[in-house]
N, C-alpha and C. Protein backbone atom coordinates (compact mmCIF):
# COMPACT_ATOMS: atom_id res chain seq x y z
N MET A 1 157.12 46.65 105.05
CA MET A 1 156.97 47.93 104.05
C MET A 1 158.24 48.59 104.78
N THR A 2 159.15 49.33 103.66
CA THR A 2 160.58 49.81 104.21
C THR A 2 159.77 51.14 105.00
N ASP A 3 160.90 51.70 105.82
CA ASP A 3 160.81 52.91 106.03
C ASP A 3 160.82 53.92 105.47
N GLU A 4 161.18 53.87 103.83
CA GLU A 4 160.84 54.96 103.05
C GLU A 4 159.00 54.96 102.89
N GLY A 5 158.35 53.68 102.48
CA GLY A 5 157.16 53.35 102.50
C GLY A 5 156.43 53.71 103.80
N ASN A 6 156.52 53.67 104.35
CA ASN A 6 155.94 54.04 105.85
C ASN A 6 155.77 55.61 105.82
N GLN A 7 157.08 56.59 105.41
CA GLN A 7 156.86 57.80 105.37
C GLN A 7 155.83 58.20 104.41
N GLN A 8 156.00 57.49 103.35
CA GLN A 8 155.29 57.90 102.15
C GLN A 8 153.61 57.95 102.53
N GLN A 9 153.28 57.02 103.29
CA GLN A 9 152.11 56.58 103.80
C GLN A 9 151.71 57.77 104.81
N GLU A 10 152.66 57.84 105.96
CA GLU A 10 152.17 58.80 106.84
C GLU A 10 151.90 60.17 106.46
N LYS A 11 152.71 60.50 105.23
CA LYS A 11 152.55 61.96 104.52
C LYS A 11 151.12 61.80 104.07
N ARG A 12 150.78 60.82 103.21
CA ARG A 12 149.51 60.98 102.45
C ARG A 12 148.40 60.87 103.55
N GLN A 13 148.60 60.34 104.88
CA GLN A 13 147.37 60.24 105.89
C GLN A 13 147.25 61.76 106.56
N HIS A 14 148.57 62.32 106.54
CA HIS A 14 148.74 63.46 107.18
C HIS A 14 148.16 64.39 106.09
N LEU A 15 148.05 64.86 105.17
CA LEU A 15 147.68 65.35 104.03
C LEU A 15 146.36 65.22 103.67
N SER A 16 145.64 63.89 103.91
CA SER A 16 144.10 64.04 103.94
C SER A 16 143.57 64.63 105.14
N ARG A 17 144.27 64.33 106.40
CA ARG A 17 143.42 64.85 107.26
C ARG A 17 143.87 66.26 107.45
N LEU A 18 144.66 67.02 107.00
CA LEU A 18 144.68 68.63 106.51
C LEU A 18 143.73 68.79 105.69
N LEU A 19 143.64 68.07 104.77
CA LEU A 19 142.66 68.58 103.62
C LEU A 19 141.17 68.42 104.24
N LEU A 20 140.72 67.46 105.12
CA LEU A 20 139.55 67.08 105.64
C LEU A 20 139.28 68.34 106.04
N LEU A 21 140.51 68.83 107.47
CA LEU A 21 140.37 69.72 108.14
C LEU A 21 139.64 71.16 107.39
N VAL A 22 140.44 71.87 106.70
CA VAL A 22 140.54 72.54 105.69
C VAL A 22 138.71 72.34 104.83
N ALA A 23 138.40 71.25 104.84
CA ALA A 23 137.17 71.58 104.20
C ALA A 23 135.97 71.93 105.03
N GLY A 24 136.63 70.80 106.42
CA GLY A 24 135.54 71.38 107.65
C GLY A 24 135.66 72.74 107.83
N MET A 25 136.46 73.41 107.96
CA MET A 25 136.75 74.88 108.41
C MET A 25 136.10 75.96 107.40
N PHE A 26 136.19 75.27 105.70
CA PHE A 26 135.39 75.98 104.69
C PHE A 26 133.96 75.89 105.01
N GLY A 27 133.34 74.74 105.42
CA GLY A 27 132.07 74.38 105.43
C GLY A 27 131.47 74.94 106.60
N PHE A 28 132.16 75.10 107.74
CA PHE A 28 131.51 75.98 108.97
C PHE A 28 131.68 77.49 108.47
N GLY A 29 132.44 77.89 108.06
CA GLY A 29 132.49 79.25 107.50
C GLY A 29 131.68 79.81 106.72
N PHE A 30 130.85 78.75 105.80
CA PHE A 30 130.05 79.03 105.05
C PHE A 30 128.65 79.40 105.43
N LEU A 31 128.51 78.25 106.57
CA LEU A 31 127.42 78.09 107.31
C LEU A 31 127.04 79.29 108.39
N LEU A 32 127.84 79.91 109.11
CA LEU A 32 128.07 80.74 110.08
C LEU A 32 127.22 81.83 109.84
N GLY A 33 127.05 82.22 108.56
CA GLY A 33 126.36 83.55 108.50
C GLY A 33 124.77 83.19 108.75
N PRO A 34 124.29 81.92 108.20
CA PRO A 34 122.98 81.61 108.16
C PRO A 34 122.41 80.99 109.70
N LEU A 35 123.64 80.49 110.10
CA LEU A 35 123.33 79.88 111.60
C LEU A 35 123.23 80.96 112.71
N TYR A 36 124.14 82.11 112.36
CA TYR A 36 123.71 83.50 113.27
C TYR A 36 122.16 83.81 113.07
N THR A 37 121.90 84.21 111.78
CA THR A 37 120.59 84.82 111.43
C THR A 37 119.58 83.98 112.36
N ALA A 38 119.77 82.78 111.97
CA ALA A 38 118.48 81.73 112.72
C ALA A 38 118.75 81.84 114.20
N ILE A 39 119.89 81.76 114.68
CA ILE A 39 120.00 81.90 115.84
C ILE A 39 119.18 83.41 116.54
N CYS A 40 120.02 84.69 115.81
CA CYS A 40 119.07 85.72 116.37
C CYS A 40 117.64 85.42 116.29
N GLU A 41 117.10 85.07 115.11
CA GLU A 41 115.59 85.57 114.84
C GLU A 41 114.79 84.63 116.07
N ALA A 42 115.57 83.22 116.23
CA ALA A 42 114.64 82.44 117.38
C ALA A 42 114.96 83.17 118.68
N THR A 43 115.74 84.00 119.23
CA THR A 43 116.31 83.77 120.55
C THR A 43 116.12 85.76 120.52
N GLY A 44 116.26 86.58 119.63
CA GLY A 44 115.83 88.06 119.50
C GLY A 44 117.34 88.17 120.19
N VAL A 45 118.56 87.93 119.90
CA VAL A 45 119.54 88.18 120.52
C VAL A 45 120.18 89.54 119.47
N ASN A 46 120.83 90.29 120.00
CA ASN A 46 121.22 91.31 119.41
C ASN A 46 120.36 92.38 118.61
N GLY A 47 119.15 92.32 118.92
CA GLY A 47 118.29 93.36 118.54
C GLY A 47 117.88 93.04 117.20
N ARG A 48 118.34 91.85 116.57
CA ARG A 48 118.08 92.05 115.36
C ARG A 48 116.43 91.58 114.94
N MET A 49 115.77 92.17 114.00
CA MET A 49 114.34 91.98 113.89
C MET A 49 114.04 92.26 112.59
N LYS A 50 112.77 91.63 112.57
CA LYS A 50 112.58 91.77 111.17
C LYS A 50 112.24 93.01 110.17
N VAL A 51 112.51 93.18 109.17
CA VAL A 51 112.42 94.58 108.45
C VAL A 51 111.23 94.50 107.50
N GLU A 52 109.74 94.59 108.46
CA GLU A 52 108.84 94.62 107.38
C GLU A 52 107.96 95.29 108.64
N ALA A 53 106.73 95.56 108.07
CA ALA A 53 105.38 96.30 108.38
C ALA A 53 105.01 95.21 109.33
N SER A 54 104.19 95.67 110.41
CA SER A 54 103.56 94.79 111.64
C SER A 54 102.24 95.27 111.43
N GLN A 55 101.37 94.20 111.80
CA GLN A 55 99.79 94.57 111.81
C GLN A 55 99.97 95.20 113.62
N VAL A 56 99.39 96.38 113.35
CA VAL A 56 98.58 96.68 115.02
C VAL A 56 97.34 96.67 115.01
N GLN A 57 96.49 96.12 115.96
CA GLN A 57 95.40 96.35 116.07
C GLN A 57 95.19 97.17 117.57
N ALA A 58 94.13 97.81 117.51
CA ALA A 58 93.81 98.57 118.53
C ALA A 58 93.55 97.54 119.78
N GLY A 59 94.19 97.74 120.92
CA GLY A 59 94.09 97.04 122.23
C GLY A 59 93.85 97.88 123.54
N VAL A 60 94.68 97.76 124.57
CA VAL A 60 94.49 98.26 125.73
C VAL A 60 96.05 98.86 125.60
N VAL A 61 95.91 100.26 126.04
CA VAL A 61 97.06 101.28 126.36
C VAL A 61 97.47 101.17 127.71
N ASP A 62 98.52 100.72 128.24
CA ASP A 62 98.87 100.62 129.33
C ASP A 62 99.34 102.01 130.01
N THR A 63 98.56 103.02 130.30
CA THR A 63 98.70 104.46 130.44
C THR A 63 99.47 104.25 132.23
N SER A 64 99.51 103.19 133.09
CA SER A 64 100.10 103.35 134.21
C SER A 64 101.74 103.32 134.08
N ARG A 65 102.15 102.81 132.64
CA ARG A 65 103.43 102.58 132.65
C ARG A 65 104.21 103.96 131.40
N THR A 66 105.40 104.04 131.51
CA THR A 66 105.98 105.23 130.96
C THR A 66 107.23 104.38 130.28
N VAL A 67 107.54 104.14 129.26
CA VAL A 67 109.08 103.79 128.65
C VAL A 67 109.57 104.53 127.82
N THR A 68 111.10 105.03 127.68
CA THR A 68 111.83 106.05 127.35
C THR A 68 112.28 105.14 126.27
N VAL A 69 111.96 105.82 124.73
CA VAL A 69 112.36 105.32 123.46
C VAL A 69 113.36 106.27 123.20
N GLU A 70 114.74 105.77 122.82
CA GLU A 70 115.49 106.75 122.27
C GLU A 70 115.83 106.53 120.96
N PHE A 71 116.23 107.55 119.88
CA PHE A 71 116.65 107.49 118.63
C PHE A 71 118.17 107.63 118.59
N VAL A 72 118.90 106.61 118.22
CA VAL A 72 120.37 107.10 117.41
C VAL A 72 120.16 106.62 116.21
N THR A 73 120.87 107.45 115.45
CA THR A 73 121.37 107.58 113.91
C THR A 73 122.97 107.35 113.49
N THR A 74 123.49 106.90 112.77
CA THR A 74 124.52 106.56 112.39
C THR A 74 124.87 106.39 110.73
N VAL A 75 125.83 107.49 110.17
CA VAL A 75 126.25 107.27 108.79
C VAL A 75 127.14 106.41 108.50
N ASN A 76 126.91 105.18 108.25
CA ASN A 76 127.78 104.43 107.60
C ASN A 76 129.12 104.89 106.49
N GLY A 77 130.41 104.70 106.59
CA GLY A 77 130.77 105.07 105.59
C GLY A 77 131.21 106.26 105.39
N SER A 78 131.46 107.01 103.80
CA SER A 78 131.80 108.58 103.78
C SER A 78 130.58 109.24 103.95
N PRO A 79 130.85 110.45 104.07
CA PRO A 79 129.84 111.65 104.76
C PRO A 79 128.81 112.09 103.67
N LEU A 80 128.37 111.07 102.75
CA LEU A 80 127.22 111.13 101.67
C LEU A 80 126.03 111.82 102.25
N TRP A 81 125.60 111.71 103.53
CA TRP A 81 124.49 112.17 104.05
C TRP A 81 124.50 113.19 105.49
N LYS A 82 123.40 113.94 105.74
CA LYS A 82 123.07 114.21 106.93
C LYS A 82 121.96 113.58 107.58
N PHE A 83 122.09 112.67 108.73
CA PHE A 83 120.95 111.91 109.10
C PHE A 83 120.58 112.22 110.62
N SER A 84 119.34 112.25 110.99
CA SER A 84 119.17 112.35 112.33
C SER A 84 117.87 112.34 112.43
N ALA A 85 117.57 111.73 113.82
CA ALA A 85 116.13 112.05 114.50
C ALA A 85 115.77 113.24 114.65
N GLU A 86 114.28 113.30 114.56
CA GLU A 86 114.24 114.99 114.85
C GLU A 86 114.04 114.88 116.39
N GLN A 87 113.81 114.23 116.94
CA GLN A 87 113.72 114.30 118.66
C GLN A 87 114.78 112.99 119.14
N PRO A 88 115.65 113.38 120.10
CA PRO A 88 116.72 112.36 120.56
C PRO A 88 115.84 111.15 121.10
N SER A 89 114.65 111.46 122.15
CA SER A 89 113.69 110.45 122.96
C SER A 89 112.55 110.77 123.06
N ILE A 90 111.85 109.89 123.32
CA ILE A 90 110.18 110.10 123.52
C ILE A 90 109.71 109.07 124.75
N LYS A 91 108.83 109.52 125.49
CA LYS A 91 108.12 108.74 126.52
C LYS A 91 106.98 108.17 125.61
N VAL A 92 106.97 107.03 125.76
CA VAL A 92 105.28 106.22 125.32
C VAL A 92 104.74 105.58 126.05
N HIS A 93 103.71 104.79 126.21
CA HIS A 93 102.66 103.97 126.95
C HIS A 93 102.85 102.85 125.94
N PRO A 94 103.13 101.82 126.80
CA PRO A 94 102.99 100.39 125.70
C PRO A 94 101.59 100.55 125.43
N GLY A 95 101.24 99.73 123.96
CA GLY A 95 100.01 99.87 123.43
C GLY A 95 99.56 100.84 122.64
N GLN A 96 100.10 101.91 122.63
CA GLN A 96 100.15 103.25 121.77
C GLN A 96 100.80 103.42 120.84
N LEU A 97 100.10 103.64 119.25
CA LEU A 97 100.68 103.94 118.32
C LEU A 97 101.39 105.36 118.21
N TYR A 98 102.82 105.48 118.18
CA TYR A 98 103.42 106.98 117.96
C TYR A 98 103.85 107.04 116.79
N THR A 99 104.14 108.07 116.14
CA THR A 99 105.28 108.64 114.82
C THR A 99 106.13 109.45 115.36
N VAL A 100 107.27 108.95 114.97
CA VAL A 100 108.44 109.96 114.96
C VAL A 100 109.32 110.14 113.65
N ASN A 101 109.70 111.43 113.53
CA ASN A 101 109.91 111.74 112.09
C ASN A 101 111.48 111.78 111.77
N PHE A 102 112.07 111.46 111.07
CA PHE A 102 113.77 111.32 110.99
C PHE A 102 114.20 112.24 109.68
N TYR A 103 114.94 113.05 109.82
CA TYR A 103 115.40 113.82 108.70
C TYR A 103 117.14 113.02 108.14
N ALA A 104 116.77 113.22 106.65
CA ALA A 104 117.60 112.88 105.90
C ALA A 104 118.08 113.88 104.34
N LYS A 105 119.38 113.84 104.57
CA LYS A 105 119.74 114.91 103.33
C LYS A 105 121.31 114.04 102.78
N ASN A 106 120.71 114.21 101.09
CA ASN A 106 122.10 113.68 100.13
C ASN A 106 122.65 114.97 100.33
N THR A 107 124.24 114.92 100.54
CA THR A 107 124.72 115.99 100.07
C THR A 107 125.85 116.29 99.38
N GLN A 108 125.35 115.52 98.11
CA GLN A 108 126.14 115.22 97.00
C GLN A 108 125.45 115.69 95.99
N ASN A 109 126.30 116.15 94.90
CA ASN A 109 125.62 116.52 93.53
C ASN A 109 125.31 115.47 92.71
N MET A 110 125.03 114.42 92.90
CA MET A 110 124.56 113.22 92.24
C MET A 110 123.60 112.49 93.13
N ASP A 111 122.94 111.88 91.77
CA ASP A 111 121.48 111.03 92.97
C ASP A 111 122.33 109.85 93.70
N LEU A 112 121.68 109.83 94.54
CA LEU A 112 121.98 108.44 95.44
C LEU A 112 121.01 107.82 96.14
N VAL A 113 121.19 106.78 96.40
CA VAL A 113 120.21 105.43 96.90
C VAL A 113 120.57 105.43 98.71
N ALA A 114 119.69 105.39 99.40
CA ALA A 114 120.38 105.03 100.92
C ALA A 114 119.27 104.06 101.07
N GLN A 115 119.62 103.09 102.11
CA GLN A 115 119.17 101.90 102.79
C GLN A 115 119.41 102.28 104.39
N ALA A 116 118.53 102.05 105.33
CA ALA A 116 118.63 102.24 106.67
C ALA A 116 118.64 100.71 107.15
N VAL A 117 119.70 100.26 108.21
CA VAL A 117 119.61 98.95 108.88
C VAL A 117 119.31 99.34 110.36
N PRO A 118 118.00 98.77 110.78
CA PRO A 118 117.71 98.97 112.35
C PRO A 118 118.11 98.36 113.05
N ASN A 119 118.15 98.58 114.45
CA ASN A 119 118.53 97.92 115.68
C ASN A 119 118.14 98.09 116.65
N ILE A 120 117.32 97.21 117.71
CA ILE A 120 116.99 97.51 118.97
C ILE A 120 117.80 97.07 120.10
N ALA A 121 118.12 97.87 121.11
CA ALA A 121 118.29 97.36 122.57
C ALA A 121 117.79 97.74 123.43
N PRO A 122 117.41 97.08 124.69
CA PRO A 122 118.25 95.55 124.54
C PRO A 122 117.33 94.58 123.81
N GLY A 123 118.10 93.56 123.47
CA GLY A 123 117.41 92.81 122.36
C GLY A 123 116.47 91.90 122.72
N SER A 124 116.22 92.08 123.91
CA SER A 124 114.76 91.53 124.77
C SER A 124 113.65 91.99 124.30
N ALA A 125 113.79 93.62 123.77
CA ALA A 125 112.64 94.30 123.32
C ALA A 125 112.21 94.23 121.82
N ALA A 126 113.38 93.68 121.17
CA ALA A 126 112.83 93.30 119.69
C ALA A 126 111.55 92.70 119.45
N PRO A 127 111.04 91.75 120.05
CA PRO A 127 109.77 91.21 119.59
C PRO A 127 108.61 91.82 120.28
N HIS A 128 108.97 92.91 120.94
CA HIS A 128 107.83 93.64 121.37
C HIS A 128 107.79 95.10 120.70
N LEU A 129 108.64 95.18 119.45
CA LEU A 129 108.63 96.66 118.79
C LEU A 129 107.41 96.13 117.62
N ARG A 130 106.54 97.39 117.44
CA ARG A 130 105.82 96.79 116.46
C ARG A 130 105.62 98.15 115.48
N LYS A 131 106.56 98.02 114.40
CA LYS A 131 106.66 99.25 113.39
C LYS A 131 105.42 99.12 112.16
N THR A 132 104.75 99.95 112.21
CA THR A 132 103.56 99.87 110.52
C THR A 132 104.11 100.57 109.99
N GLU A 133 105.31 101.37 109.80
CA GLU A 133 105.56 102.42 108.94
C GLU A 133 107.21 102.85 109.25
N CYS A 134 108.27 102.42 108.06
CA CYS A 134 109.17 103.05 108.43
C CYS A 134 110.31 102.95 107.35
N PHE A 135 110.95 104.09 106.94
CA PHE A 135 111.96 104.06 106.07
C PHE A 135 112.57 103.03 105.80
N CYS A 136 113.11 102.28 107.01
CA CYS A 136 114.07 101.11 106.57
C CYS A 136 113.56 99.86 105.99
N PHE A 137 111.99 100.02 105.78
CA PHE A 137 111.62 98.76 104.61
C PHE A 137 112.08 98.80 103.18
N ASN A 138 112.36 99.76 102.98
CA ASN A 138 112.75 99.68 101.56
C ASN A 138 114.08 100.75 101.49
N GLN A 139 114.28 100.90 99.99
CA GLN A 139 115.51 101.94 99.69
C GLN A 139 115.40 103.06 99.69
N GLN A 140 115.65 104.00 99.85
CA GLN A 140 115.47 105.46 99.52
C GLN A 140 115.94 106.22 98.67
N PRO A 141 115.30 106.55 97.24
CA PRO A 141 116.78 107.43 96.65
C PRO A 141 115.91 108.68 96.67
N PHE A 142 117.34 109.30 96.56
CA PHE A 142 117.34 110.87 96.68
C PHE A 142 117.97 111.52 95.50
N LYS A 143 117.85 112.90 95.34
CA LYS A 143 118.17 113.65 94.07
C LYS A 143 119.48 113.89 94.54
N ALA A 144 120.39 114.75 93.72
CA ALA A 144 121.23 115.58 94.25
C ALA A 144 120.75 116.61 95.21
N GLY A 145 121.16 116.68 96.24
CA GLY A 145 120.91 117.77 97.46
C GLY A 145 119.50 117.51 98.07
N GLU A 146 118.63 116.65 97.62
CA GLU A 146 117.34 116.45 98.21
C GLU A 146 117.25 115.76 99.73
N GLU A 147 116.44 116.52 100.61
CA GLU A 147 116.50 115.97 102.03
C GLU A 147 115.23 115.43 101.99
N LYS A 148 114.75 115.10 102.70
CA LYS A 148 113.61 114.07 103.40
C LYS A 148 113.49 114.02 104.81
N HIS A 149 111.79 114.25 105.05
CA HIS A 149 111.57 114.14 106.43
C HIS A 149 110.93 112.35 106.34
N MET A 150 111.40 111.63 107.31
CA MET A 150 110.81 110.33 107.01
C MET A 150 110.16 109.65 108.24
N PRO A 151 109.12 109.13 108.28
CA PRO A 151 108.48 108.39 109.48
C PRO A 151 108.45 107.17 109.81
N VAL A 152 108.35 107.19 111.42
CA VAL A 152 108.56 105.95 111.72
C VAL A 152 107.42 105.79 112.35
N LYS A 153 106.36 104.65 112.24
CA LYS A 153 105.01 104.76 113.33
C LYS A 153 105.19 103.19 114.11
N PHE A 154 105.36 103.32 115.09
CA PHE A 154 105.53 102.19 116.06
C PHE A 154 104.94 102.31 117.23
N MET A 155 104.45 100.98 117.84
CA MET A 155 104.10 100.58 119.19
C MET A 155 105.09 99.65 119.94
N LEU A 156 104.86 99.72 121.05
CA LEU A 156 105.78 99.02 122.09
C LEU A 156 104.50 97.92 122.72
N ASP A 157 104.87 96.56 122.68
CA ASP A 157 103.77 95.60 122.98
C ASP A 157 103.50 96.22 124.20
N PRO A 158 102.26 96.12 124.82
CA PRO A 158 101.99 96.11 126.05
C PRO A 158 102.73 94.58 127.34
N ALA A 159 103.15 93.68 126.48
CA ALA A 159 103.61 92.58 127.12
C ALA A 159 105.24 92.73 127.13
N LEU A 160 105.67 93.97 126.76
CA LEU A 160 107.07 94.08 126.88
C LEU A 160 107.48 93.75 128.51
N PRO A 161 108.44 93.06 128.96
CA PRO A 161 108.83 92.89 130.01
C PRO A 161 108.52 94.48 131.38
N LYS A 162 108.58 94.33 132.40
CA LYS A 162 108.23 95.46 133.09
C LYS A 162 109.49 95.75 133.40
N SER A 163 110.64 95.00 133.28
CA SER A 163 112.25 95.09 133.67
C SER A 163 112.60 96.34 133.01
N ILE A 164 112.09 96.28 131.68
CA ILE A 164 112.63 97.39 130.27
C ILE A 164 111.90 98.46 130.53
N ASP A 165 112.75 99.65 130.91
CA ASP A 165 112.02 101.40 130.97
C ASP A 165 112.73 101.98 129.97
N THR A 166 114.09 101.66 129.44
CA THR A 166 114.29 102.37 128.04
C THR A 166 114.84 101.43 126.97
N VAL A 167 114.08 101.85 125.82
CA VAL A 167 114.53 101.10 124.50
C VAL A 167 115.46 102.05 123.67
N THR A 168 116.11 101.65 122.94
CA THR A 168 117.15 102.57 122.30
C THR A 168 116.66 101.94 120.70
N LEU A 169 116.34 102.48 119.64
CA LEU A 169 116.05 102.07 118.59
C LEU A 169 116.84 103.09 117.73
N SER A 170 117.97 102.37 117.01
CA SER A 170 118.91 103.00 116.23
C SER A 170 118.99 102.41 114.83
N TYR A 171 119.09 103.51 113.72
CA TYR A 171 119.56 103.36 112.25
C TYR A 171 120.89 103.07 112.03
N THR A 172 121.36 102.93 111.29
CA THR A 172 122.25 103.35 110.54
C THR A 172 122.29 103.23 109.00
N PHE A 173 122.24 104.44 108.31
CA PHE A 173 122.34 104.78 106.95
C PHE A 173 123.30 104.35 106.08
N PHE A 174 123.26 103.82 105.11
CA PHE A 174 124.47 103.62 104.46
C PHE A 174 123.83 103.96 103.04
N ASP A 175 125.14 104.17 102.31
CA ASP A 175 124.77 104.11 100.63
C ASP A 175 124.61 102.87 99.81
N ALA A 176 123.30 102.59 99.62
CA ALA A 176 123.07 101.85 98.54
C ALA A 176 123.05 101.60 96.92
N THR A 177 123.49 102.74 96.77
CA THR A 177 123.45 103.08 95.26
C THR A 177 123.75 102.12 94.39
N HIS A 178 124.95 101.54 94.44
CA HIS A 178 125.34 100.52 93.72
C HIS A 178 124.29 98.99 94.01
N LEU A 179 123.64 98.78 95.01
CA LEU A 179 122.87 97.75 95.05
C LEU A 179 121.61 97.99 94.38
N ALA A 180 121.03 99.11 94.46
CA ALA A 180 119.62 99.61 93.92
C ALA A 180 120.44 99.42 91.94
N ALA A 181 121.40 99.79 91.66
CA ALA A 181 121.56 99.79 90.29
C ALA A 181 121.83 98.21 89.66
N GLN A 182 122.17 97.35 91.01
CA GLN A 182 122.30 95.81 90.27
C GLN A 182 121.22 95.31 90.20
N SER A 183 120.10 95.84 91.58
CA SER A 183 118.77 95.16 91.55
C SER A 183 117.96 95.76 90.06
N ALA A 184 118.25 96.74 89.65
CA ALA A 184 117.61 97.21 88.77
C ALA A 184 118.22 96.76 87.32
N THR A 185 119.20 96.05 86.90
CA THR A 185 119.44 95.32 85.80
C THR A 185 119.12 93.93 85.97
N LYS A 186 119.00 93.44 87.35
CA LYS A 186 118.56 91.79 87.26
C LYS A 186 117.32 91.65 86.58
N PRO A 187 117.20 90.60 85.59
CA PRO A 187 116.08 90.42 84.80
C PRO A 187 115.19 89.92 85.79
N ARG A 188 113.87 89.91 85.67
CA ARG A 188 112.95 89.75 86.47
C ARG A 188 112.40 88.19 86.10
N SER A 189 112.00 87.35 87.29
CA SER A 189 111.31 86.13 86.66
C SER A 189 109.88 85.86 86.73
């Protein structure tokens, strides 16, 4: 084989390796989101939790222990909303059901839909938080200028590690009007 033939073959091999590398990178990027979600659900890392109602059964309340639960609110994006917890924190006994209210107001002259994304810190507390009612379970429609007081009913499981004396429950409120409109126009199967 001539030098020119060897160079052509090397170029093809190099191009094949590069294409394989690009395909591998694309595949890794495509699988990264589901892989991250699976790891977070399995380990409770980063405070990710299921956004659905829990069943709470009457049990033993640990009155010998008090845990501070802090509430942090954030509005994502433009200032379409006023959003806050009606109290910054409460003291709770694990095993007892509590209700905390959040305030939200649509500051615009048009109807909007909001969605809240919850997070909990430390992440190891996430499996021990039981919410029976939360505005974060569903999108929240707001008329122009409407304000709402929205409850969150929750309990900390008595199995919460003893080393945890403060739990921070945070919600990020964002405009979901476009998502709600897309969902409304999708045909139902």
